Amino acid sequence: MSHKFSSPCANLKVWSRCPQPLHPLSIPLHSAEAMSRAALWKAEQLQAAQPNLPPPLPESISAKALPIHGNQTTFNVNSLLANNIMSCDYFRALYPLQTYHEVIDEIYLKCTNVEPWATGTSRVPSTAFCLLFK
């Protein structure tokens, strides 16, 4: 008896070496062996389409607090500029402003341009950067 396809199981002498077929109930339902090619392809497409979400924040950080990245002393501002802002009289005058909204109102009132240094000077920080640092 000849078959169109050659298989090691076609010959009866080799029959004992052929692997035994798996019982359908012995395969877990969520494994790749239990899924058809179309189902595997669809599962891969769905997994690839899902956005990569950032890892959850640690429980020590509250939901309303923004995490700080970088240097927490200078807030990634040039150290010379940060030192001049801290010693500036205008920055010290901003101490009574306690809320974010008060600082935003001060920005609307005082800022006309955004530069790190005040125009015409080389060592005095601008009002915008003083408010930003606040």
Protein backbone atom coordinates (compact mmCIF):
# COMPACT_ATOMS: atom_id res chain seq x y z
CA MET A 1 0.00 0.00 0.00
CA SER A 2 1.63 3.21 -1.10
CA HIS A 3 0.64 6.62 0.11
CA LYS A 4 0.92 9.90 -1.67
CA PHE A 5 2.74 11.38 1.33
CA SER A 6 5.62 9.60 2.95
CA SER A 7 5.39 9.40 6.71
CA PRO A 8 7.39 7.43 9.26
CA CYS A 9 4.10 6.03 10.44
CA ALA A 10 3.17 4.77 6.99
CA ASN A 11 5.41 1.79 7.40
CA LEU A 12 4.12 -0.64 9.99
CA LYS A 13 7.66 -1.49 11.07
CA VAL A 14 8.20 2.09 12.25
CA TRP A 15 4.78 2.34 13.91
CA SER A 16 6.16 1.70 17.36
CA ARG A 17 8.44 4.76 17.13
CA CYS A 18 5.66 7.21 16.26
CA PRO A 19 4.57 9.47 19.10
CA GLN A 20 1.24 8.71 20.61
CA PRO A 21 -1.45 11.28 19.81
CA LEU A 22 -2.43 13.51 22.69
CA HIS A 23 -5.85 13.21 24.16
CA PRO A 24 -7.77 16.49 23.61
CA LEU A 25 -8.50 16.87 27.32
CA SER A 26 -4.83 16.51 28.25
CA ILE A 27 -3.94 19.88 26.63
CA PRO A 28 -4.68 22.99 28.74
CA LEU A 29 -7.25 25.21 27.10
CA HIS A 30 -5.06 28.34 27.34
CA SER A 31 -1.94 26.80 25.84
CA ALA A 32 -0.69 27.46 22.34
CA GLU A 33 -1.24 23.80 21.38
CA ALA A 34 -4.96 24.09 22.06
CA MET A 35 -5.41 27.17 19.87
CA SER A 36 -5.81 27.19 16.14
CA ARG A 37 -3.50 29.25 13.95
CA ALA A 38 -6.21 31.87 13.45
CA ALA A 39 -6.81 32.11 17.19
CA LEU A 40 -3.06 32.42 17.86
CA TRP A 41 -2.74 35.14 15.22
CA LYS A 42 -5.72 37.02 16.66
CA ALA A 43 -4.33 36.78 20.21
CA GLU A 44 -0.94 38.10 19.02
CA GLN A 45 -2.62 40.99 17.17
CA LEU A 46 -4.69 41.93 20.20
CA GLN A 47 -1.62 41.82 22.44
CA ALA A 48 0.38 43.96 19.99
CA ALA A 49 -2.48 46.48 19.69
CA GLN A 50 -2.70 47.09 23.44
CA PRO A 51 -0.82 50.22 24.48
CA ASN A 52 2.23 49.84 26.68
CA LEU A 53 1.13 51.36 29.96
CA PRO A 54 3.72 52.73 32.37
CA PRO A 55 4.22 50.76 35.55
CA PRO A 56 1.95 51.78 38.43
CA LEU A 57 3.24 54.35 40.88
CA PRO A 58 4.41 53.14 44.26
CA GLU A 59 1.86 53.43 47.04
CA SER A 60 4.06 55.95 48.87
CA ILE A 61 3.35 58.57 46.18
CA SER A 62 -0.10 60.06 46.49
CA ALA A 63 -2.40 60.20 43.48
CA LYS A 64 -2.22 64.01 43.24
CA ALA A 65 1.54 64.43 43.61
CA LEU A 66 3.74 64.65 40.53
CA PRO A 67 6.91 62.60 40.67
CA ILE A 68 10.18 64.57 40.54
CA HIS A 69 12.90 63.38 38.19
CA GLY A 70 16.46 64.55 38.46
CA ASN A 71 18.05 66.84 41.02
CA GLN A 72 15.55 67.75 43.74
CA THR A 73 17.62 70.71 44.94
CA THR A 74 18.07 72.60 41.66
CA PHE A 75 15.18 70.97 39.73
CA ASN A 76 17.50 70.42 36.72
CA VAL A 77 18.19 74.16 36.43
CA ASN A 78 21.76 75.35 35.94
CA SER A 79 23.40 75.55 39.39
CA LEU A 80 24.53 79.18 38.87
CA LEU A 81 21.01 80.20 37.89
CA ALA A 82 19.51 78.22 40.79
CA ASN A 83 21.84 79.91 43.30
CA ASN A 84 21.04 83.36 41.89
CA ILE A 85 17.30 82.64 42.03
CA MET A 86 17.56 81.57 45.67
CA SER A 87 19.39 84.79 46.57
CA CYS A 88 17.12 87.05 44.49
CA ASP A 89 14.91 89.56 46.36
CA TYR A 90 11.95 88.91 44.02
CA PHE A 91 12.09 85.18 44.79
CA ARG A 92 12.05 85.93 48.51
CA ALA A 93 9.05 88.21 47.97
CA LEU A 94 7.19 85.22 46.49
CA TYR A 95 7.20 83.43 49.84
CA PRO A 96 3.62 84.45 50.76
CA LEU A 97 2.28 82.74 47.62
CA GLN A 98 1.18 79.33 48.88
CA THR A 99 -1.02 77.85 46.14
CA TYR A 100 -0.47 76.97 42.53
CA HIS A 101 -3.24 79.36 41.46
CA GLU A 102 -1.60 82.32 43.17
CA VAL A 103 1.65 81.62 41.32
CA ILE A 104 -0.24 81.36 38.01
CA ASP A 105 -1.89 84.74 38.69
CA GLU A 106 1.55 86.25 39.38
CA ILE A 107 2.82 84.81 36.07
CA TYR A 108 -0.03 86.52 34.20
CA LEU A 109 0.70 89.83 35.94
CA LYS A 110 4.51 89.97 35.86
CA CYS A 111 5.87 87.85 32.98
CA THR A 112 6.27 89.47 29.58
CA ASN A 113 8.98 87.16 28.20
CA VAL A 114 10.62 83.89 29.14
CA GLU A 115 14.38 84.07 29.48
CA PRO A 116 16.63 82.68 32.21
CA TRP A 117 18.28 86.04 32.89
CA ALA A 118 16.69 89.48 33.14
CA THR A 119 17.24 91.59 30.03
CA GLY A 120 20.26 93.84 30.21
CA THR A 121 21.89 91.97 33.09
CA SER A 122 24.10 88.95 33.28
CA ARG A 123 23.50 87.77 36.86
CA VAL A 124 19.92 88.72 37.79
CA PRO A 125 17.39 85.93 37.12
CA SER A 126 14.22 86.80 35.26
CA THR A 127 10.82 86.95 36.94
CA ALA A 128 9.64 84.03 34.79
CA PHE A 129 12.38 81.74 36.09
CA CYS A 130 11.86 82.90 39.66
CA LEU A 131 8.19 81.95 39.35
CA LEU A 132 9.06 78.71 37.61
CA PHE A 133 11.43 77.83 40.44
CA LYS A 134 8.72 78.70 42.97
